[in-house]
């Protein structure tokens, strides 16, 4: 049990460090660096509909959706290694 808790804490610290580094890499002169992304009109309309329902901007909604999917996939990946 102690090894499990140690590994969880270690993983959390590493993830936090990576997040901090990512945040530093994604900012320039205090502004967040953006990358362009193109989607087809039907997907754009679906995204707009979701944004309207969730009261979020497209950027914020994409962040939420991508983070949730990434977390889900990482969770599946971790369960495969057990």
C-alpha atoms as a PDB file:
ATOM      1  CA  UNK A   1       0.000   0.000   0.000  1.00  0.00           C
ATOM      2  CA  UNK A   2       2.821   2.433   0.874  1.00  0.00           C
ATOM      3  CA  UNK A   3       4.517   1.793  -2.473  1.00  0.00           C
ATOM      4  CA  UNK A   4       1.244   2.535  -4.260  1.00  0.00           C
ATOM      5  CA  UNK A   5       0.833   5.846  -2.386  1.00  0.00           C
ATOM      6  CA  UNK A   6       4.464   6.727  -3.062  1.00  0.00           C
ATOM      7  CA  UNK A   7       4.037   6.055  -6.786  1.00  0.00           C
ATOM      8  CA  UNK A   8       0.826   8.119  -6.888  1.00  0.00           C
ATOM      9  CA  UNK A   9       2.539  11.046  -5.166  1.00  0.00           C
ATOM     10  CA  UNK A  10       5.572  10.747  -7.440  1.00  0.00           C
ATOM     11  CA  UNK A  11       3.346  10.623 -10.524  1.00  0.00           C
ATOM     12  CA  UNK A  12       1.422  13.677  -9.329  1.00  0.00           C
ATOM     13  CA  UNK A  13       4.629  15.672  -8.797  1.00  0.00           C
ATOM     14  CA  UNK A  14       5.948  14.718 -12.236  1.00  0.00           C
ATOM     15  CA  UNK A  15       2.639  15.609 -13.884  1.00  0.00           C
ATOM     16  CA  UNK A  16       2.552  18.946 -12.042  1.00  0.00           C
ATOM     17  CA  UNK A  17       6.111  19.713 -13.159  1.00  0.00           C
ATOM     18  CA  UNK A  18       5.200  18.852 -16.756  1.00  0.00           C
ATOM     19  CA  UNK A  19       2.115  21.081 -16.542  1.00  0.00           C
ATOM     20  CA  UNK A  20       4.217  23.963 -15.226  1.00  0.00           C
ATOM     21  CA  UNK A  21       6.751  23.471 -18.023  1.00  0.00           C
ATOM     22  CA  UNK A  22       3.989  23.248 -20.620  1.00  0.00           C
ATOM     23  CA  UNK A  23       2.507  26.497 -19.348  1.00  0.00           C
ATOM     24  CA  UNK A  24       5.889  28.202 -19.650  1.00  0.00           C
ATOM     25  CA  UNK A  25       6.377  26.872 -23.190  1.00  0.00           C
ATOM     26  CA  UNK A  26       2.936  28.038 -24.278  1.00  0.00           C
ATOM     27  CA  UNK A  27       3.286  31.673 -23.220  1.00  0.00           C
ATOM     28  CA  UNK A  28       5.189  34.460 -24.842  1.00  0.00           C
ATOM     29  CA  UNK A  29       5.278  37.974 -23.458  1.00  0.00           C
ATOM     30  CA  UNK A  30       2.443  37.054 -21.070  1.00  0.00           C
ATOM     31  CA  UNK A  31       0.160  35.933 -23.910  1.00  0.00           C
ATOM     32  CA  UNK A  32      -0.786  32.358 -24.631  1.00  0.00           C
ATOM     33  CA  UNK A  33       0.546  31.051 -27.941  1.00  0.00           C
ATOM     34  CA  UNK A  34      -2.194  29.667 -30.189  1.00  0.00           C
ATOM     35  CA  UNK A  35      -2.064  27.149 -33.028  1.00  0.00           C
ATOM     36  CA  UNK A  36      -4.610  27.222 -35.820  1.00  0.00           C
ATOM     37  CA  UNK A  37      -6.980  24.332 -36.305  1.00  0.00           C
ATOM     38  CA  UNK A  38      -9.337  23.774 -39.225  1.00  0.00           C
ATOM     39  CA  UNK A  39     -12.531  21.727 -39.042  1.00  0.00           C
ATOM     40  CA  UNK A  40     -15.255  21.054 -41.542  1.00  0.00           C
ATOM     41  CA  UNK A  41     -18.429  23.195 -41.325  1.00  0.00           C
ATOM     42  CA  UNK A  42     -20.563  20.395 -39.833  1.00  0.00           C
ATOM     43  CA  UNK A  43     -18.064  19.847 -36.995  1.00  0.00           C
ATOM     44  CA  UNK A  44     -17.816  23.607 -36.467  1.00  0.00           C
ATOM     45  CA  UNK A  45     -21.608  23.833 -36.140  1.00  0.00           C
ATOM     46  CA  UNK A  46     -21.625  20.970 -33.627  1.00  0.00           C
ATOM     47  CA  UNK A  47     -18.906  22.710 -31.608  1.00  0.00           C
ATOM     48  CA  UNK A  48     -20.869  25.973 -31.696  1.00  0.00           C
ATOM     49  CA  UNK A  49     -23.967  24.153 -30.453  1.00  0.00           C
ATOM     50  CA  UNK A  50     -22.017  22.639 -27.554  1.00  0.00           C
ATOM     51  CA  UNK A  51     -20.513  26.057 -26.746  1.00  0.00           C
ATOM     52  CA  UNK A  52     -23.964  27.622 -26.654  1.00  0.00           C
ATOM     53  CA  UNK A  53     -25.240  24.937 -24.276  1.00  0.00           C
ATOM     54  CA  UNK A  54     -22.175  25.103 -22.005  1.00  0.00           C
ATOM     55  CA  UNK A  55     -21.724  28.907 -22.186  1.00  0.00           C
ATOM     56  CA  UNK A  56     -18.073  28.559 -23.204  1.00  0.00           C
ATOM     57  CA  UNK A  57     -15.917  29.940 -25.968  1.00  0.00           C
ATOM     58  CA  UNK A  58     -14.818  27.546 -28.695  1.00  0.00           C
ATOM     59  CA  UNK A  59     -11.265  27.549 -27.352  1.00  0.00           C
ATOM     60  CA  UNK A  60     -12.397  26.804 -23.794  1.00  0.00           C
ATOM     61  CA  UNK A  61     -14.805  24.097 -24.957  1.00  0.00           C
ATOM     62  CA  UNK A  62     -12.144  22.400 -27.066  1.00  0.00           C
ATOM     63  CA  UNK A  63      -9.792  22.450 -24.075  1.00  0.00           C
ATOM     64  CA  UNK A  64     -12.441  20.794 -21.887  1.00  0.00           C
ATOM     65  CA  UNK A  65     -13.300  18.133 -24.474  1.00  0.00           C
ATOM     66  CA  UNK A  66      -9.663  17.333 -25.260  1.00  0.00           C
ATOM     67  CA  UNK A  67      -8.638  17.209 -21.591  1.00  0.00           C
ATOM     68  CA  UNK A  68     -11.542  14.872 -20.757  1.00  0.00           C
ATOM     69  CA  UNK A  69     -10.717  12.559 -23.657  1.00  0.00           C
ATOM     70  CA  UNK A  70      -7.019  12.573 -22.802  1.00  0.00           C
ATOM     71  CA  UNK A  71      -7.797  11.725 -19.171  1.00  0.00           C
ATOM     72  CA  UNK A  72     -10.120   8.905 -20.286  1.00  0.00           C
ATOM     73  CA  UNK A  73      -7.514   7.439 -22.636  1.00  0.00           C
ATOM     74  CA  UNK A  74      -4.752   7.700 -20.037  1.00  0.00           C
ATOM     75  CA  UNK A  75      -7.002   5.933 -17.531  1.00  0.00           C
ATOM     76  CA  UNK A  76      -7.593   3.102 -20.017  1.00  0.00           C
ATOM     77  CA  UNK A  77      -3.871   2.910 -20.692  1.00  0.00           C
ATOM     78  CA  UNK A  78      -3.038   2.705 -16.970  1.00  0.00           C
ATOM     79  CA  UNK A  79      -5.531  -0.129 -16.467  1.00  0.00           C
ATOM     80  CA  UNK A  80      -3.893  -2.105 -19.274  1.00  0.00           C
ATOM     81  CA  UNK A  81      -0.546  -1.980 -17.468  1.00  0.00           C
ATOM     82  CA  UNK A  82      -1.915  -3.409 -14.222  1.00  0.00           C
END
